[in-house]
Full PDB file with SEQRES, HELIX, SHEET, SSBOND, CRYST1, ORIGX, SCALE, CONECT and MASTER records, all heavy atoms in Angstrom:
SEQRES   1 A   32  THR GLY GLN VAL GLY PRO GLY ILE ALA ARG ARG LEU ASP          
SEQRES   2 A   32  ILE PRO PRO VAL THR ASN VAL ILE GLU VAL SER GLU VAL          
SEQRES   3 A   32  ASN LEU GLU GLU LYS THR                                      
HELIX    1 AA1 VAL A    4  LEU A   12  1                                   9    
CRYST1    1.000    1.000    1.000  90.00  90.00  90.00 P 1           1          
ORIGX1      1.000000  0.000000  0.000000        0.00000                         
ORIGX2      0.000000  1.000000  0.000000        0.00000                         
ORIGX3      0.000000  0.000000  1.000000        0.00000                         
SCALE1      1.000000  0.000000  0.000000        0.00000                         
SCALE2      0.000000  1.000000  0.000000        0.00000                         
SCALE3      0.000000  0.000000  1.000000        0.00000                         
ATOM      1  N   THR A   1      -0.842  10.898   6.852  1.00  0.00           N  
ATOM      2  CA  THR A   1      -2.164  10.691   7.449  1.00  0.00           C  
ATOM      3  C   THR A   1      -3.107   9.903   6.545  1.00  0.00           C  
ATOM      4  O   THR A   1      -3.954   9.156   7.037  1.00  0.00           O  
ATOM      5  CB  THR A   1      -2.833  12.039   7.773  1.00  0.00           C  
ATOM      6  OG1 THR A   1      -3.070  12.754   6.557  1.00  0.00           O  
ATOM      7  CG2 THR A   1      -1.964  12.864   8.706  1.00  0.00           C  
ATOM      8  N   GLY A   2      -3.028  10.108   5.242  1.00  0.00           N  
ATOM      9  CA  GLY A   2      -3.958   9.439   4.328  1.00  0.00           C  
ATOM     10  C   GLY A   2      -5.379   9.958   4.445  1.00  0.00           C  
ATOM     11  O   GLY A   2      -6.335   9.246   4.118  1.00  0.00           O  
ATOM     12  N   GLN A   3      -5.554  11.202   4.895  1.00  0.00           N  
ATOM     13  CA  GLN A   3      -6.896  11.734   5.159  1.00  0.00           C  
ATOM     14  C   GLN A   3      -7.433  12.637   4.056  1.00  0.00           C  
ATOM     15  O   GLN A   3      -8.651  12.790   3.926  1.00  0.00           O  
ATOM     16  CB  GLN A   3      -6.879  12.522   6.475  1.00  0.00           C  
ATOM     17  CG  GLN A   3      -6.577  11.658   7.689  1.00  0.00           C  
ATOM     18  CD  GLN A   3      -6.387  12.482   8.951  1.00  0.00           C  
ATOM     19  OE1 GLN A   3      -6.266  13.707   8.896  1.00  0.00           O  
ATOM     20  NE2 GLN A   3      -6.350  11.815  10.084  1.00  0.00           N  
ATOM     21  N   VAL A   4      -6.553  13.254   3.273  1.00  0.00           N  
ATOM     22  CA  VAL A   4      -7.017  14.252   2.300  1.00  0.00           C  
ATOM     23  C   VAL A   4      -7.879  13.621   1.205  1.00  0.00           C  
ATOM     24  O   VAL A   4      -8.952  14.144   0.874  1.00  0.00           O  
ATOM     25  CB  VAL A   4      -5.821  15.008   1.686  1.00  0.00           C  
ATOM     26  CG1 VAL A   4      -6.291  15.901   0.529  1.00  0.00           C  
ATOM     27  CG2 VAL A   4      -5.138  15.861   2.750  1.00  0.00           C  
ATOM     28  N   GLY A   5      -7.449  12.500   0.647  1.00  0.00           N  
ATOM     29  CA  GLY A   5      -8.233  11.849  -0.407  1.00  0.00           C  
ATOM     30  C   GLY A   5      -9.651  11.512   0.031  1.00  0.00           C  
ATOM     31  O   GLY A   5     -10.626  11.969  -0.586  1.00  0.00           O  
ATOM     32  N   PRO A   6      -9.808  10.721   1.110  1.00  0.00           N  
ATOM     33  CA  PRO A   6     -11.164  10.433   1.598  1.00  0.00           C  
ATOM     34  C   PRO A   6     -11.938  11.689   1.985  1.00  0.00           C  
ATOM     35  O   PRO A   6     -13.160  11.742   1.818  1.00  0.00           O  
ATOM     36  CB  PRO A   6     -10.901   9.538   2.823  1.00  0.00           C  
ATOM     37  CG  PRO A   6      -9.612   8.868   2.513  1.00  0.00           C  
ATOM     38  CD  PRO A   6      -8.795   9.914   1.800  1.00  0.00           C  
ATOM     39  N   GLY A   7     -11.222  12.720   2.482  1.00  0.00           N  
ATOM     40  CA  GLY A   7     -11.895  13.972   2.830  1.00  0.00           C  
ATOM     41  C   GLY A   7     -12.494  14.651   1.613  1.00  0.00           C  
ATOM     42  O   GLY A   7     -13.607  15.188   1.664  1.00  0.00           O  
ATOM     43  N   ILE A   8     -11.771  14.629   0.504  1.00  0.00           N  
ATOM     44  CA  ILE A   8     -12.282  15.188  -0.749  1.00  0.00           C  
ATOM     45  C   ILE A   8     -13.515  14.408  -1.209  1.00  0.00           C  
ATOM     46  O   ILE A   8     -14.534  14.994  -1.598  1.00  0.00           O  
ATOM     47  CB  ILE A   8     -11.195  15.164  -1.838  1.00  0.00           C  
ATOM     48  CG1 ILE A   8     -10.050  16.112  -1.486  1.00  0.00           C  
ATOM     49  CG2 ILE A   8     -11.787  15.520  -3.201  1.00  0.00           C  
ATOM     50  CD1 ILE A   8      -8.843  15.983  -2.400  1.00  0.00           C  
ATOM     51  N   ALA A   9     -13.415  13.079  -1.171  1.00  0.00           N  
ATOM     52  CA  ALA A   9     -14.527  12.230  -1.616  1.00  0.00           C  
ATOM     53  C   ALA A   9     -15.776  12.488  -0.796  1.00  0.00           C  
ATOM     54  O   ALA A   9     -16.895  12.542  -1.325  1.00  0.00           O  
ATOM     55  CB  ALA A   9     -14.125  10.762  -1.531  1.00  0.00           C  
ATOM     56  N   ARG A  10     -15.596  12.652   0.519  1.00  0.00           N  
ATOM     57  CA  ARG A  10     -16.750  12.911   1.400  1.00  0.00           C  
ATOM     58  C   ARG A  10     -17.418  14.236   1.030  1.00  0.00           C  
ATOM     59  O   ARG A  10     -18.647  14.334   1.009  1.00  0.00           O  
ATOM     60  CB  ARG A  10     -16.285  12.933   2.854  1.00  0.00           C  
ATOM     61  CG  ARG A  10     -17.396  13.251   3.849  1.00  0.00           C  
ATOM     62  CD  ARG A  10     -18.440  12.143   3.872  1.00  0.00           C  
ATOM     63  NE  ARG A  10     -19.514  12.452   4.790  1.00  0.00           N  
ATOM     64  CZ  ARG A  10     -20.596  13.190   4.486  1.00  0.00           C  
ATOM     65  NH1 ARG A  10     -20.711  13.698   3.262  1.00  0.00           N  
ATOM     66  NH2 ARG A  10     -21.531  13.399   5.373  1.00  0.00           N  
ATOM     67  N   ARG A  11     -16.620  15.247   0.746  1.00  0.00           N  
ATOM     68  CA  ARG A  11     -17.194  16.554   0.410  1.00  0.00           C  
ATOM     69  C   ARG A  11     -17.889  16.517  -0.948  1.00  0.00           C  
ATOM     70  O   ARG A  11     -18.900  17.192  -1.162  1.00  0.00           O  
ATOM     71  CB  ARG A  11     -16.102  17.617   0.426  1.00  0.00           C  
ATOM     72  CG  ARG A  11     -15.503  17.871   1.809  1.00  0.00           C  
ATOM     73  CD  ARG A  11     -14.418  18.920   1.740  1.00  0.00           C  
ATOM     74  NE  ARG A  11     -13.692  19.093   2.995  1.00  0.00           N  
ATOM     75  CZ  ARG A  11     -14.110  19.819   4.022  1.00  0.00           C  
ATOM     76  NH1 ARG A  11     -15.282  20.433   3.941  1.00  0.00           N  
ATOM     77  NH2 ARG A  11     -13.387  19.940   5.115  1.00  0.00           N  
ATOM     78  N   LEU A  12     -17.351  15.730  -1.895  1.00  0.00           N  
ATOM     79  CA  LEU A  12     -17.957  15.616  -3.220  1.00  0.00           C  
ATOM     80  C   LEU A  12     -19.092  14.603  -3.257  1.00  0.00           C  
ATOM     81  O   LEU A  12     -19.796  14.486  -4.265  1.00  0.00           O  
ATOM     82  CB  LEU A  12     -16.890  15.216  -4.253  1.00  0.00           C  
ATOM     83  CG  LEU A  12     -15.839  16.268  -4.600  1.00  0.00           C  
ATOM     84  CD1 LEU A  12     -14.733  15.655  -5.452  1.00  0.00           C  
ATOM     85  CD2 LEU A  12     -16.475  17.443  -5.331  1.00  0.00           C  
ATOM     86  N   ASP A  13     -19.234  13.825  -2.169  1.00  0.00           N  
ATOM     87  CA  ASP A  13     -20.252  12.778  -2.069  1.00  0.00           C  
ATOM     88  C   ASP A  13     -20.082  11.735  -3.177  1.00  0.00           C  
ATOM     89  O   ASP A  13     -21.033  11.358  -3.870  1.00  0.00           O  
ATOM     90  CB  ASP A  13     -21.658  13.384  -2.129  1.00  0.00           C  
ATOM     91  CG  ASP A  13     -22.733  12.384  -1.677  1.00  0.00           C  
ATOM     92  OD1 ASP A  13     -22.398  11.449  -0.917  1.00  0.00           O  
ATOM     93  OD2 ASP A  13     -23.899  12.534  -2.090  1.00  0.00           O  
ATOM     94  N   ILE A  14     -18.826  11.281  -3.343  1.00  0.00           N  
ATOM     95  CA  ILE A  14     -18.533  10.206  -4.291  1.00  0.00           C  
ATOM     96  C   ILE A  14     -17.819   9.085  -3.537  1.00  0.00           C  
ATOM     97  O   ILE A  14     -17.244   9.314  -2.470  1.00  0.00           O  
ATOM     98  CB  ILE A  14     -17.653  10.696  -5.460  1.00  0.00           C  
ATOM     99  CG1 ILE A  14     -16.299  11.231  -4.955  1.00  0.00           C  
ATOM    100  CG2 ILE A  14     -18.380  11.762  -6.270  1.00  0.00           C  
ATOM    101  CD1 ILE A  14     -15.334  11.623  -6.064  1.00  0.00           C  
ATOM    102  N   PRO A  15     -17.869   7.847  -4.049  1.00  0.00           N  
ATOM    103  CA  PRO A  15     -17.252   6.734  -3.330  1.00  0.00           C  
ATOM    104  C   PRO A  15     -15.730   6.820  -3.301  1.00  0.00           C  
ATOM    105  O   PRO A  15     -15.110   7.030  -4.353  1.00  0.00           O  
ATOM    106  CB  PRO A  15     -17.722   5.490  -4.096  1.00  0.00           C  
ATOM    107  CG  PRO A  15     -18.111   5.993  -5.439  1.00  0.00           C  
ATOM    108  CD  PRO A  15     -18.601   7.391  -5.248  1.00  0.00           C  
ATOM    109  N   PRO A  16     -15.107   6.675  -2.117  1.00  0.00           N  
ATOM    110  CA  PRO A  16     -13.642   6.586  -2.036  1.00  0.00           C  
ATOM    111  C   PRO A  16     -13.207   5.123  -1.950  1.00  0.00           C  
ATOM    112  O   PRO A  16     -13.847   4.326  -1.263  1.00  0.00           O  
ATOM    113  CB  PRO A  16     -13.334   7.310  -0.724  1.00  0.00           C  
ATOM    114  CG  PRO A  16     -14.534   7.037   0.141  1.00  0.00           C  
ATOM    115  CD  PRO A  16     -15.714   6.841  -0.782  1.00  0.00           C  
ATOM    116  N   VAL A  17     -12.159   4.770  -2.644  1.00  0.00           N  
ATOM    117  CA  VAL A  17     -11.575   3.425  -2.544  1.00  0.00           C  
ATOM    118  C   VAL A  17     -10.102   3.608  -2.219  1.00  0.00           C  
ATOM    119  O   VAL A  17      -9.355   4.174  -3.012  1.00  0.00           O  
ATOM    120  CB  VAL A  17     -11.748   2.616  -3.845  1.00  0.00           C  
ATOM    121  CG1 VAL A  17     -11.235   1.190  -3.635  1.00  0.00           C  
ATOM    122  CG2 VAL A  17     -13.203   2.597  -4.286  1.00  0.00           C  
ATOM    123  N   THR A  18      -9.682   3.141  -1.052  1.00  0.00           N  
ATOM    124  CA  THR A  18      -8.316   3.372  -0.584  1.00  0.00           C  
ATOM    125  C   THR A  18      -7.425   2.152  -0.807  1.00  0.00           C  
ATOM    126  O   THR A  18      -7.901   1.059  -1.066  1.00  0.00           O  
ATOM    127  CB  THR A  18      -8.322   3.719   0.908  1.00  0.00           C  
ATOM    128  OG1 THR A  18      -8.951   2.649   1.640  1.00  0.00           O  
ATOM    129  CG2 THR A  18      -9.101   5.003   1.164  1.00  0.00           C  
ATOM    130  N   ASN A  19      -6.107   2.371  -0.705  1.00  0.00           N  
ATOM    131  CA  ASN A  19      -5.103   1.306  -0.775  1.00  0.00           C  
ATOM    132  C   ASN A  19      -5.216   0.480  -2.058  1.00  0.00           C  
ATOM    133  O   ASN A  19      -5.102  -0.738  -2.047  1.00  0.00           O  
ATOM    134  CB  ASN A  19      -5.213   0.379   0.440  1.00  0.00           C  
ATOM    135  CG  ASN A  19      -5.046   1.120   1.746  1.00  0.00           C  
ATOM    136  OD1 ASN A  19      -6.026   1.542   2.354  1.00  0.00           O  
ATOM    137  ND2 ASN A  19      -3.816   1.283   2.208  1.00  0.00           N  
ATOM    138  N   VAL A  20      -5.430   1.167  -3.171  1.00  0.00           N  
ATOM    139  CA  VAL A  20      -5.612   0.485  -4.457  1.00  0.00           C  
ATOM    140  C   VAL A  20      -4.261   0.001  -4.989  1.00  0.00           C  
ATOM    141  O   VAL A  20      -3.283   0.754  -5.004  1.00  0.00           O  
ATOM    142  CB  VAL A  20      -6.289   1.427  -5.475  1.00  0.00           C  
ATOM    143  CG1 VAL A  20      -6.372   0.765  -6.852  1.00  0.00           C  
ATOM    144  CG2 VAL A  20      -7.673   1.828  -4.985  1.00  0.00           C  
ATOM    145  N   ILE A  21      -4.227  -1.248  -5.417  1.00  0.00           N  
ATOM    146  CA  ILE A  21      -3.005  -1.796  -6.000  1.00  0.00           C  
ATOM    147  C   ILE A  21      -3.190  -2.210  -7.465  1.00  0.00           C  
ATOM    148  O   ILE A  21      -2.222  -2.563  -8.139  1.00  0.00           O  
ATOM    149  CB  ILE A  21      -2.477  -3.007  -5.198  1.00  0.00           C  
ATOM    150  CG1 ILE A  21      -3.506  -4.138  -5.167  1.00  0.00           C  
ATOM    151  CG2 ILE A  21      -2.081  -2.588  -3.784  1.00  0.00           C  
ATOM    152  CD1 ILE A  21      -2.955  -5.432  -4.596  1.00  0.00           C  
ATOM    153  N   GLU A  22      -4.431  -2.140  -7.962  1.00  0.00           N  
ATOM    154  CA  GLU A  22      -4.661  -2.483  -9.372  1.00  0.00           C  
ATOM    155  C   GLU A  22      -6.007  -1.918  -9.822  1.00  0.00           C  
ATOM    156  O   GLU A  22      -7.008  -2.055  -9.123  1.00  0.00           O  
ATOM    157  CB  GLU A  22      -4.656  -4.002  -9.572  1.00  0.00           C  
ATOM    158  CG  GLU A  22      -4.840  -4.434 -11.015  1.00  0.00           C  
ATOM    159  CD  GLU A  22      -4.862  -5.951 -11.183  1.00  0.00           C  
ATOM    160  OE1 GLU A  22      -4.489  -6.661 -10.228  1.00  0.00           O  
ATOM    161  OE2 GLU A  22      -5.259  -6.412 -12.259  1.00  0.00           O  
ATOM    162  N   VAL A  23      -6.000  -1.282 -10.985  1.00  0.00           N  
ATOM    163  CA  VAL A  23      -7.244  -0.895 -11.651  1.00  0.00           C  
ATOM    164  C   VAL A  23      -7.421  -1.870 -12.800  1.00  0.00           C  
ATOM    165  O   VAL A  23      -6.755  -1.775 -13.824  1.00  0.00           O  
ATOM    166  CB  VAL A  23      -7.185   0.563 -12.155  1.00  0.00           C  
ATOM    167  CG1 VAL A  23      -8.473   0.918 -12.886  1.00  0.00           C  
ATOM    168  CG2 VAL A  23      -6.955   1.522 -10.989  1.00  0.00           C  
ATOM    169  N   SER A  24      -8.322  -2.843 -12.602  1.00  0.00           N  
ATOM    170  CA  SER A  24      -8.430  -3.962 -13.543  1.00  0.00           C  
ATOM    171  C   SER A  24      -9.194  -3.603 -14.800  1.00  0.00           C  
ATOM    172  O   SER A  24      -8.846  -4.038 -15.907  1.00  0.00           O  
ATOM    173  CB  SER A  24      -9.117  -5.152 -12.853  1.00  0.00           C  
ATOM    174  OG  SER A  24      -8.443  -5.520 -11.675  1.00  0.00           O  
ATOM    175  N   GLU A  25     -10.255  -2.820 -14.655  1.00  0.00           N  
ATOM    176  CA  GLU A  25     -11.118  -2.546 -15.805  1.00  0.00           C  
ATOM    177  C   GLU A  25     -11.862  -1.241 -15.601  1.00  0.00           C  
ATOM    178  O   GLU A  25     -12.343  -0.943 -14.499  1.00  0.00           O  
ATOM    179  CB  GLU A  25     -12.119  -3.693 -15.980  1.00  0.00           C  
ATOM    180  CG  GLU A  25     -13.105  -3.523 -17.110  1.00  0.00           C  
ATOM    181  CD  GLU A  25     -14.138  -4.639 -17.154  1.00  0.00           C  
ATOM    182  OE1 GLU A  25     -13.797  -5.783 -16.797  1.00  0.00           O  
ATOM    183  OE2 GLU A  25     -15.283  -4.352 -17.539  1.00  0.00           O  
ATOM    184  N   VAL A  26     -11.960  -0.445 -16.659  1.00  0.00           N  
ATOM    185  CA  VAL A  26     -12.768   0.770 -16.648  1.00  0.00           C  
ATOM    186  C   VAL A  26     -13.818   0.635 -17.739  1.00  0.00           C  
ATOM    187  O   VAL A  26     -13.491   0.494 -18.921  1.00  0.00           O  
ATOM    188  CB  VAL A  26     -11.910   2.030 -16.891  1.00  0.00           C  
ATOM    189  CG1 VAL A  26     -12.805   3.269 -16.950  1.00  0.00           C  
ATOM    190  CG2 VAL A  26     -10.860   2.183 -15.797  1.00  0.00           C  
ATOM    191  N   ASN A  27     -15.094   0.641 -17.357  1.00  0.00           N  
ATOM    192  CA  ASN A  27     -16.202   0.506 -18.299  1.00  0.00           C  
ATOM    193  C   ASN A  27     -16.859   1.865 -18.475  1.00  0.00           C  
ATOM    194  O   ASN A  27     -17.608   2.334 -17.612  1.00  0.00           O  
ATOM    195  CB  ASN A  27     -17.213  -0.520 -17.767  1.00  0.00           C  
ATOM    196  CG  ASN A  27     -18.253  -0.900 -18.806  1.00  0.00           C  
ATOM    197  OD1 ASN A  27     -18.751  -0.047 -19.538  1.00  0.00           O  
ATOM    198  ND2 ASN A  27     -18.598  -2.182 -18.874  1.00  0.00           N  
ATOM    199  N   LEU A  28     -16.560   2.523 -19.596  1.00  0.00           N  
ATOM    200  CA  LEU A  28     -17.070   3.868 -19.829  1.00  0.00           C  
ATOM    201  C   LEU A  28     -18.569   3.874 -20.101  1.00  0.00           C  
ATOM    202  O   LEU A  28     -19.263   4.845 -19.766  1.00  0.00           O  
ATOM    203  CB  LEU A  28     -16.327   4.511 -20.998  1.00  0.00           C  
ATOM    204  CG  LEU A  28     -14.835   4.786 -20.783  1.00  0.00           C  
ATOM    205  CD1 LEU A  28     -14.221   5.411 -22.026  1.00  0.00           C  
ATOM    206  CD2 LEU A  28     -14.619   5.695 -19.584  1.00  0.00           C  
ATOM    207  N   GLU A  29     -19.085   2.803 -20.694  1.00  0.00           N  
ATOM    208  CA  GLU A  29     -20.517   2.744 -20.994  1.00  0.00           C  
ATOM    209  C   GLU A  29     -21.339   2.636 -19.717  1.00  0.00           C  
ATOM    210  O   GLU A  29     -22.356   3.319 -19.548  1.00  0.00           O  
ATOM    211  CB  GLU A  29     -20.818   1.565 -21.923  1.00  0.00           C  
ATOM    212  CG  GLU A  29     -20.239   1.717 -23.322  1.00  0.00           C  
ATOM    213  CD  GLU A  29     -20.621   0.566 -24.224  1.00  0.00           C  
ATOM    214  OE1 GLU A  29     -21.365  -0.343 -23.757  1.00  0.00           O  
ATOM    215  OE2 GLU A  29     -20.204   0.569 -25.396  1.00  0.00           O  
ATOM    216  N   GLU A  30     -20.916   1.770 -18.816  1.00  0.00           N  
ATOM    217  CA  GLU A  30     -21.660   1.566 -17.567  1.00  0.00           C  
ATOM    218  C   GLU A  30     -21.177   2.489 -16.451  1.00  0.00           C  
ATOM    219  O   GLU A  30     -21.740   2.481 -15.355  1.00  0.00           O  
ATOM    220  CB  GLU A  30     -21.552   0.108 -17.123  1.00  0.00           C  
ATOM    221  CG  GLU A  30     -22.169  -0.880 -18.112  1.00  0.00           C  
ATOM    222  CD  GLU A  30     -22.101  -2.309 -17.616  1.00  0.00           C  
ATOM    223  OE1 GLU A  30     -21.684  -2.507 -16.444  1.00  0.00           O  
ATOM    224  OE2 GLU A  30     -22.475  -3.226 -18.370  1.00  0.00           O  
ATOM    225  N   LYS A  31     -20.120   3.253 -16.726  1.00  0.00           N  
ATOM    226  CA  LYS A  31     -19.547   4.176 -15.739  1.00  0.00           C  
ATOM    227  C   LYS A  31     -19.139   3.446 -14.459  1.00  0.00           C  
ATOM    228  O   LYS A  31     -19.472   3.867 -13.345  1.00  0.00           O  
ATOM    229  CB  LYS A  31     -20.543   5.294 -15.409  1.00  0.00           C  
ATOM    230  CG  LYS A  31     -20.746   6.308 -16.520  1.00  0.00           C  
ATOM    231  CD  LYS A  31     -19.519   7.205 -16.644  1.00  0.00           C  
ATOM    232  CE  LYS A  31     -19.711   8.300 -17.680  1.00  0.00           C  
ATOM    233  NZ  LYS A  31     -18.546   9.198 -17.777  1.00  0.00           N  
ATOM    234  N   THR A  32     -18.409   2.341 -14.622  1.00  0.00           N  
ATOM    235  CA  THR A  32     -17.930   1.581 -13.470  1.00  0.00           C  
ATOM    236  C   THR A  32     -16.444   1.300 -13.616  1.00  0.00           C  
ATOM    237  O   THR A  32     -15.893   1.336 -14.730  1.00  0.00           O  
ATOM    238  CB  THR A  32     -18.672   0.238 -13.313  1.00  0.00           C  
ATOM    239  OG1 THR A  32     -18.470  -0.554 -14.501  1.00  0.00           O  
ATOM    240  CG2 THR A  32     -20.156   0.456 -13.080  1.00  0.00           C  
TER     241      THR A  32                                                      
MASTER        0    0    0    1    0    0    0    6  240    1    0    3          
END                                                                             
């Protein structure tokens, strides 16, 4: 179904990003 992940994000009120194929950069200072 692919519903549990977005369902968790909705309950936590955080942004969900689906169908990810690459995490290019994590900026800990800017939290992005």
